[in-house]
Amino acid sequence: MDFTLTDEQKMLADVVAKLLDDHCPPAALRQLMTDGAPRDAARWGAIVETGLVPVLVPAEQDGLGLGELDFALIAQACGRAALPEPLVDHAGIALPLLAACAPAHPLLAEALSGAATLAIGHPLNPLVADADMAAALLLVHEGDLHLVPRDQVTLTRRPSIDPFRRLFDVAWKPSGTTRIASAATAAEPLADAIDRGALFAAAQCLGLAQRCVDLAVAYAKDRTQFGKPIGSYQAIKHHLASVQVKIEFARPVLHAAATRFPDRDTRSRAAISHAKLVAAEAADLAARTAIQVHGAMGYSWEVDIHFFLKRALALTYVWGTPAFHQARVERRVLAGPLGPDQTFLPDHPRQNEGQHA
């Protein structure tokens, strides 16, 4: 299996990274905290104008019809910037779910254009993110999927460790007018939502882990002790090198999991869980190491690392806790054959591909 990115994918990653470097620097995050605003309208407008919202929606539904690996590159850039706007949840999870379950719903076109955003309340997540700014919420009741206008729900704000993740308890009443898919119809799209949520959370973790290393390296070059930059000392070098190794080992795991998403089997779901676990571990180690490199001042909000530490902690427990994903990996290990010749086999080999993917 070839995980090499195409030229188009590399260009997409570069474009999104440049966009967020320009529109979402740490100074902009601090200003957003000062203002108490949920999002920056100009930044969201730039994201929409770049065409990032319809990436995962099929072309026949006016989307771009790209794949999960393409969006994982976008999510990675979002993690690197600690983006406050709900691009990942809206475009990466909620929109594909709505497109799969209610392709003719009138809100789909508005959501594709970015004029309206969707929030998703999945049973795997106890709270709903960004519900206060959503036009409607995708909610589950007894397996059925409902699309509920925001004015028909009652929201109760809950604290979040991440100041840019606005979390809510949602009280609502299901009805025939809000139901858009039965439990039987919604089962596979909701399972896809879990996998996309975990996969894109992993991608964000990988992006923010690299940002933490970059910030720590930049600081280590400028900060001097005993007449030399602290980055010249082996203790600093070794810590940062260990983090970079962890990131580089997590990257192909993420790419492999994204590539295998369409298989929708025990192996592909275990691969996604594996990616979530290793990327979250890399993000946690990167943020904590970067704080140590910054010394005593690293423990204050004056240091930008805290934006990424808080996001890493939040992402570790969204779309499945570590225990949830460890259980999925365990099911794959205990239920199927192991060995180097089995690593990239789907449960059921794809048609016309022989026995090996």
Protein backbone atom coordinates (compact mmCIF):
# COMPACT_ATOMS: atom_id res chain seq x y z
CA MET A 1 0.00 0.00 0.00
CA ASP A 2 1.45 3.35 -1.09
CA PHE A 3 0.92 6.20 1.41
CA THR A 4 2.79 8.78 -0.68
CA LEU A 5 0.79 11.98 -1.07
CA THR A 6 -0.04 13.12 -4.59
CA ASP A 7 1.06 16.53 -5.85
CA GLU A 8 -2.56 17.69 -5.54
CA GLN A 9 -2.73 16.56 -1.91
CA LYS A 10 0.55 18.29 -1.09
CA MET A 11 -0.76 21.46 -2.72
CA LEU A 12 -4.00 21.21 -0.70
CA ALA A 13 -2.04 20.83 2.54
CA ASP A 14 0.17 23.82 1.69
CA VAL A 15 -2.79 26.02 0.75
CA VAL A 16 -4.68 25.29 3.98
CA ALA A 17 -1.56 25.73 6.13
CA LYS A 18 -0.84 29.10 4.50
CA LEU A 19 -4.46 30.19 4.89
CA LEU A 20 -4.48 29.43 8.60
CA ASP A 21 -1.02 30.88 9.16
CA ASP A 22 -2.37 34.14 7.75
CA HIS A 23 -5.77 34.13 9.44
CA CYS A 24 -5.27 32.18 12.67
CA PRO A 25 -1.96 33.12 14.35
CA PRO A 26 -1.77 32.84 18.17
CA ALA A 27 -2.29 36.62 18.42
CA ALA A 28 -5.71 36.19 16.77
CA LEU A 29 -6.58 33.46 19.27
CA ARG A 30 -5.71 35.77 22.14
CA GLN A 31 -7.88 38.50 20.67
CA LEU A 32 -10.77 36.07 20.32
CA MET A 33 -10.42 35.16 24.00
CA THR A 34 -10.39 38.82 24.96
CA ASP A 35 -13.49 39.54 22.89
CA GLY A 36 -15.32 36.45 24.17
CA ALA A 37 -16.57 35.76 20.64
CA PRO A 38 -17.26 32.18 19.49
CA ARG A 39 -15.63 32.65 16.10
CA ASP A 40 -14.11 35.20 13.71
CA ALA A 41 -16.44 35.99 10.80
CA ALA A 42 -13.62 37.12 8.50
CA ARG A 43 -11.64 33.95 9.13
CA TRP A 44 -14.67 31.74 8.49
CA GLY A 45 -15.33 33.70 5.30
CA ALA A 46 -11.79 33.04 4.09
CA ILE A 47 -12.17 29.33 4.83
CA VAL A 48 -15.44 29.17 2.91
CA GLU A 49 -14.03 31.15 -0.01
CA THR A 50 -11.11 28.71 -0.29
CA GLY A 51 -13.62 25.90 -0.89
CA LEU A 52 -12.87 23.71 2.12
CA VAL A 53 -16.45 23.11 3.27
CA PRO A 54 -17.78 20.70 0.55
CA VAL A 55 -14.64 18.53 0.37
CA LEU A 56 -16.23 15.25 1.54
CA VAL A 57 -19.66 15.64 -0.06
CA PRO A 58 -20.11 13.63 -3.30
CA ALA A 59 -19.81 15.52 -6.57
CA GLU A 60 -23.39 14.61 -7.55
CA GLN A 61 -24.53 16.57 -4.48
CA ASP A 62 -22.49 19.64 -5.45
CA GLY A 63 -19.52 18.66 -3.30
CA LEU A 64 -15.91 18.03 -4.29
CA GLY A 65 -16.07 14.26 -3.76
CA LEU A 66 -12.61 13.98 -2.21
CA GLY A 67 -11.57 11.32 0.29
CA GLU A 68 -10.82 11.04 3.97
CA LEU A 69 -7.07 11.33 3.45
CA ASP A 70 -7.62 14.67 1.71
CA PHE A 71 -9.67 15.98 4.61
CA ALA A 72 -7.19 14.56 7.14
CA LEU A 73 -4.63 16.94 5.65
CA ILE A 74 -7.07 19.82 6.22
CA ALA A 75 -7.74 18.66 9.78
CA GLN A 76 -4.02 18.45 10.44
CA ALA A 77 -3.65 22.11 9.46
CA CYS A 78 -6.61 22.98 11.70
CA GLY A 79 -4.86 21.30 14.62
CA ARG A 80 -1.62 23.09 13.84
CA ALA A 81 -3.49 26.41 14.14
CA ALA A 82 -5.80 25.40 17.03
CA LEU A 83 -8.60 26.68 14.78
CA PRO A 84 -11.61 27.85 16.83
CA GLU A 85 -14.09 27.64 13.93
CA PRO A 86 -15.93 24.29 13.53
CA LEU A 87 -14.54 23.38 10.10
CA VAL A 88 -13.66 19.81 11.10
CA ASP A 89 -16.95 18.99 12.84
CA HIS A 90 -19.08 20.76 10.23
CA ALA A 91 -17.36 19.81 6.97
CA GLY A 92 -15.62 16.62 8.04
CA ILE A 93 -18.36 14.90 10.07
CA ALA A 94 -21.79 16.58 10.03
CA LEU A 95 -22.03 17.42 6.31
CA PRO A 96 -21.19 13.91 5.05
CA LEU A 97 -23.70 12.51 7.56
CA LEU A 98 -26.47 14.81 6.35
CA ALA A 99 -25.60 14.17 2.70
CA ALA A 100 -25.77 10.40 3.26
CA CYS A 101 -29.04 10.38 5.21
CA ALA A 102 -30.99 13.28 3.66
CA PRO A 103 -29.47 14.19 0.27
CA ALA A 104 -32.50 16.26 -0.71
CA HIS A 105 -32.83 18.24 2.51
CA PRO A 106 -33.07 22.00 1.79
CA LEU A 107 -30.51 22.84 4.50
CA LEU A 108 -27.80 20.85 2.72
CA ALA A 109 -27.17 23.52 0.09
CA GLU A 110 -26.94 26.26 2.72
CA ALA A 111 -24.54 24.15 4.79
CA LEU A 112 -22.42 23.38 1.71
CA SER A 113 -22.04 27.09 1.02
CA GLY A 114 -20.86 27.76 4.57
CA ALA A 115 -23.73 30.17 5.16
CA ALA A 116 -25.00 27.80 7.85
CA THR A 117 -23.10 25.39 10.06
CA LEU A 118 -24.25 22.11 11.59
CA ALA A 119 -23.47 20.69 15.01
CA ILE A 120 -23.54 16.98 15.73
CA GLY A 121 -24.61 15.25 18.90
CA HIS A 122 -23.45 11.66 18.64
CA PRO A 123 -24.16 9.17 21.47
CA LEU A 124 -20.39 8.63 21.76
CA ASN A 125 -19.94 12.26 22.87
CA PRO A 126 -21.71 13.41 26.04
CA LEU A 127 -21.73 17.08 24.96
CA VAL A 128 -22.31 18.92 21.68
CA ALA A 129 -19.64 21.32 20.43
CA ASP A 130 -20.51 24.70 18.88
CA ALA A 131 -24.26 24.12 19.19
CA ASP A 132 -24.93 27.79 19.94
CA MET A 133 -23.72 28.93 16.52
CA ALA A 134 -25.26 26.11 14.47
CA ALA A 135 -28.30 26.55 12.25
CA ALA A 136 -29.38 23.01 13.16
CA LEU A 137 -28.19 20.01 15.16
CA LEU A 138 -27.88 16.40 14.04
CA LEU A 139 -29.11 14.37 17.03
CA VAL A 140 -29.81 10.69 17.65
CA HIS A 141 -32.84 9.22 19.43
CA GLU A 142 -33.25 5.44 19.71
CA GLY A 143 -31.04 5.03 16.66
CA ASP A 144 -33.05 7.42 14.48
CA LEU A 145 -31.28 10.49 13.13
CA HIS A 146 -32.94 13.89 13.58
CA LEU A 147 -32.09 17.30 12.18
CA VAL A 148 -33.32 19.81 14.74
CA PRO A 149 -33.33 23.61 14.24
CA ARG A 150 -31.42 25.41 16.94
CA ASP A 151 -34.51 27.29 18.09
CA GLN A 152 -36.12 23.95 18.98
CA VAL A 153 -33.46 22.91 21.50
CA THR A 154 -32.47 24.14 24.94
CA LEU A 155 -28.73 24.58 25.42
CA THR A 156 -26.85 24.56 28.70
CA ARG A 157 -23.22 25.68 28.49
CA ARG A 158 -20.68 23.37 30.11
CA PRO A 159 -17.05 24.19 30.93
CA SER A 160 -14.31 22.98 28.60
CA ILE A 161 -10.59 22.71 29.20
CA ASP A 162 -10.16 24.18 25.71
CA PRO A 163 -11.36 27.81 25.68
CA PHE A 164 -12.24 27.54 21.99
CA ARG A 165 -14.42 24.41 22.28
CA ARG A 166 -17.89 25.62 23.28
CA LEU A 167 -19.66 22.61 24.79
CA PHE A 168 -23.36 22.21 25.55
CA ASP A 169 -25.90 19.87 27.04
CA VAL A 170 -28.83 19.70 24.62
CA ALA A 171 -32.45 19.19 25.70
CA TRP A 172 -34.87 18.46 22.85
CA LYS A 173 -37.95 16.49 21.85
CA PRO A 174 -37.85 14.16 18.85
CA SER A 175 -40.70 14.39 16.36
CA GLY A 176 -41.70 13.15 12.95
CA THR A 177 -40.85 16.51 11.43
CA THR A 178 -37.24 16.39 12.64
CA ARG A 179 -36.58 12.72 11.82
CA ILE A 180 -34.53 12.39 8.64
CA ALA A 181 -33.43 8.73 8.81
CA SER A 182 -34.58 5.57 10.54
CA ALA A 183 -32.26 3.57 12.77
CA ALA A 184 -31.66 1.07 9.97
CA THR A 185 -30.82 3.77 7.43
CA ALA A 186 -28.71 5.83 9.81
CA ALA A 187 -26.68 2.99 11.32
CA GLU A 188 -23.85 2.93 8.76
CA PRO A 189 -23.60 6.74 8.34
CA LEU A 190 -23.45 7.10 12.14
CA ALA A 191 -20.69 4.48 12.29
CA ASP A 192 -18.89 6.48 9.59
CA ALA A 193 -19.29 9.58 11.75
CA ILE A 194 -17.45 7.84 14.61
CA ASP A 195 -14.63 6.84 12.29
CA ARG A 196 -14.36 10.27 10.69
CA GLY A 197 -14.52 11.97 14.08
CA ALA A 198 -11.73 9.79 15.47
CA LEU A 199 -9.65 10.02 12.31
CA PHE A 200 -9.84 13.81 12.05
CA ALA A 201 -9.24 14.23 15.78
CA ALA A 202 -6.07 12.20 15.26
CA ALA A 203 -5.09 14.43 12.33
CA GLN A 204 -5.59 17.55 14.46
CA CYS A 205 -3.47 16.00 17.22
CA LEU A 206 -0.68 15.36 14.73
CA GLY A 207 -0.82 18.95 13.48
CA LEU A 208 -0.75 20.51 16.93
CA ALA A 209 2.05 18.16 18.03
CA GLN A 210 4.24 19.44 15.21
CA ARG A 211 3.32 23.03 16.07
CA CYS A 212 4.42 22.46 19.68
CA VAL A 213 7.79 21.14 18.50
CA ASP A 214 8.22 24.08 16.12
CA LEU A 215 7.45 26.59 18.89
CA ALA A 216 9.81 24.86 21.29
CA VAL A 217 12.63 24.73 18.72
CA ALA A 218 12.20 28.43 17.93
CA TYR A 219 12.32 29.30 21.63
CA ALA A 220 15.35 27.06 22.24
CA LYS A 221 17.26 28.90 19.53
CA ASP A 222 16.55 32.31 21.06
CA ARG A 223 16.75 31.60 24.79
CA THR A 224 20.29 31.63 26.16
CA GLN A 225 21.80 30.18 29.34
CA PHE A 226 25.48 30.40 30.26
CA GLY A 227 26.12 32.35 27.08
CA LYS A 228 24.69 29.75 24.68
CA PRO A 229 21.22 29.02 23.21
CA ILE A 230 19.53 26.34 25.31
CA GLY A 231 18.91 24.39 22.12
CA SER A 232 22.62 23.62 21.97
CA TYR A 233 22.39 21.47 25.09
CA GLN A 234 21.85 17.75 24.67
CA ALA A 235 19.10 17.57 27.29
CA ILE A 236 16.92 19.86 25.16
CA LYS A 237 17.90 18.21 21.88
CA HIS A 238 17.12 14.72 23.12
CA HIS A 239 13.69 15.65 24.48
CA LEU A 240 12.65 17.35 21.25
CA ALA A 241 14.11 14.58 19.10
CA SER A 242 12.09 12.00 21.04
CA VAL A 243 8.91 13.94 20.36
CA GLN A 244 9.72 14.31 16.66
CA VAL A 245 10.31 10.57 16.38
CA LYS A 246 6.90 9.91 17.97
CA ILE A 247 5.27 12.27 15.47
CA GLU A 248 7.00 10.65 12.49
CA PHE A 249 5.93 7.19 13.62
CA ALA A 250 2.33 8.37 14.05
CA ARG A 251 2.12 10.04 10.63
CA PRO A 252 2.05 6.87 8.47
CA VAL A 253 -0.40 5.27 10.90
CA LEU A 254 -2.76 8.20 10.29
CA HIS A 255 -2.30 8.09 6.51
CA ALA A 256 -2.86 4.32 6.44
CA ALA A 257 -6.03 4.64 8.51
CA ALA A 258 -7.41 7.41 6.27
CA THR A 259 -6.63 5.39 3.15
CA ARG A 260 -8.42 2.34 4.56
CA PHE A 261 -11.55 4.20 5.71
CA PRO A 262 -13.68 2.93 2.75
CA ASP A 263 -13.19 -0.71 3.85
CA ARG A 264 -15.51 -0.18 6.84
CA ASP A 265 -14.46 -3.41 8.55
CA THR A 266 -12.81 -4.58 11.75
CA ARG A 267 -9.32 -3.93 10.42
CA SER A 268 -10.00 -0.45 9.08
CA ARG A 269 -11.72 0.60 12.30
CA ALA A 270 -8.85 -0.78 14.36
CA ALA A 271 -6.46 1.19 12.15
CA ILE A 272 -8.44 4.38 12.82
CA SER A 273 -8.41 3.69 16.55
CA HIS A 274 -4.68 3.01 16.39
CA ALA A 275 -4.19 6.38 14.68
CA LYS A 276 -6.25 8.17 17.33
CA LEU A 277 -4.26 6.58 20.14
CA VAL A 278 -0.77 7.24 18.79
CA ALA A 279 -1.56 10.76 17.55
CA ALA A 280 -3.06 11.74 20.91
CA GLU A 281 0.00 10.37 22.69
CA ALA A 282 2.29 12.32 20.36
CA ALA A 283 0.30 15.53 20.96
CA ASP A 284 0.36 15.10 24.72
CA LEU A 285 4.11 14.45 24.79
CA ALA A 286 4.80 17.33 22.39
CA ALA A 287 2.82 19.87 24.41
CA ARG A 288 4.28 18.82 27.75
CA THR A 289 7.82 18.76 26.40
CA ALA A 290 7.39 22.19 24.82
CA ILE A 291 6.21 23.58 28.15
CA GLN A 292 9.31 22.13 29.84
CA VAL A 293 11.56 23.67 27.20
CA HIS A 294 10.01 27.06 27.96
CA GLY A 295 10.89 26.64 31.64
CA ALA A 296 8.92 28.37 34.38
CA MET A 297 7.22 30.77 31.97
CA GLY A 298 5.91 27.74 30.09
CA TYR A 299 3.35 27.25 32.85
CA SER A 300 1.71 30.63 32.22
CA TRP A 301 -0.92 31.61 29.66
CA GLU A 302 1.59 34.05 28.18
CA VAL A 303 3.10 31.12 26.26
CA ASP A 304 1.23 30.01 23.14
CA ILE A 305 1.86 26.34 23.87
CA HIS A 306 -1.16 26.34 26.17
CA PHE A 307 -3.57 26.72 23.25
CA PHE A 308 -2.25 23.44 21.85
CA LEU A 309 -1.98 21.61 25.18
CA LYS A 310 -5.63 22.36 25.96
CA ARG A 311 -6.73 21.29 22.49
CA ALA A 312 -4.73 18.05 22.78
CA LEU A 313 -6.37 17.20 26.10
CA ALA A 314 -9.82 17.87 24.65
CA LEU A 315 -9.26 15.85 21.47
CA THR A 316 -7.97 12.85 23.43
CA TYR A 317 -11.44 12.27 24.86
CA VAL A 318 -13.70 13.30 21.98
CA TRP A 319 -14.98 10.74 19.45
CA GLY A 320 -14.02 7.89 21.73
CA THR A 321 -11.91 7.74 24.87
CA PRO A 322 -8.57 5.91 24.84
CA ALA A 323 -10.34 2.92 26.44
CA PHE A 324 -12.90 2.85 23.61
CA HIS A 325 -10.20 2.82 20.94
CA GLN A 326 -8.02 0.31 22.79
CA ALA A 327 -11.03 -2.02 22.85
CA ARG A 328 -11.46 -1.70 19.07
CA VAL A 329 -7.80 -2.53 18.50
CA GLU A 330 -8.11 -5.44 20.92
CA ARG A 331 -11.08 -6.86 18.99
CA ARG A 332 -9.04 -6.83 15.79
CA VAL A 333 -6.03 -8.47 17.48
CA LEU A 334 -8.08 -11.21 19.12
CA ALA A 335 -10.51 -11.85 16.28
CA GLY A 336 -8.23 -12.16 13.25
CA PRO A 337 -4.92 -13.56 12.05
CA LEU A 338 -1.75 -11.61 12.73
CA GLY A 339 1.55 -11.33 10.90
CA PRO A 340 3.34 -9.15 8.35
CA ASP A 341 1.36 -10.70 5.49
CA GLN A 342 -1.92 -9.69 7.20
CA THR A 343 -1.20 -6.07 8.06
CA PHE A 344 -2.93 -4.41 5.09
CA LEU A 345 -5.58 -7.01 4.22
CA PRO A 346 -9.23 -5.93 4.51
CA ASP A 347 -11.67 -8.36 6.15
CA HIS A 348 -13.12 -8.95 2.70
CA PRO A 349 -10.67 -8.31 -0.18
CA ARG A 350 -11.93 -5.63 -2.53
CA GLN A 351 -13.34 -6.80 -5.81
CA ASN A 352 -10.81 -6.96 -8.66
CA GLU A 353 -7.89 -6.38 -6.28
CA GLY A 354 -6.98 -10.00 -5.63
CA GLN A 355 -5.99 -10.97 -2.13
CA HIS A 356 -3.84 -7.97 -1.24
CA ALA A 357 -4.78 -4.30 -0.89
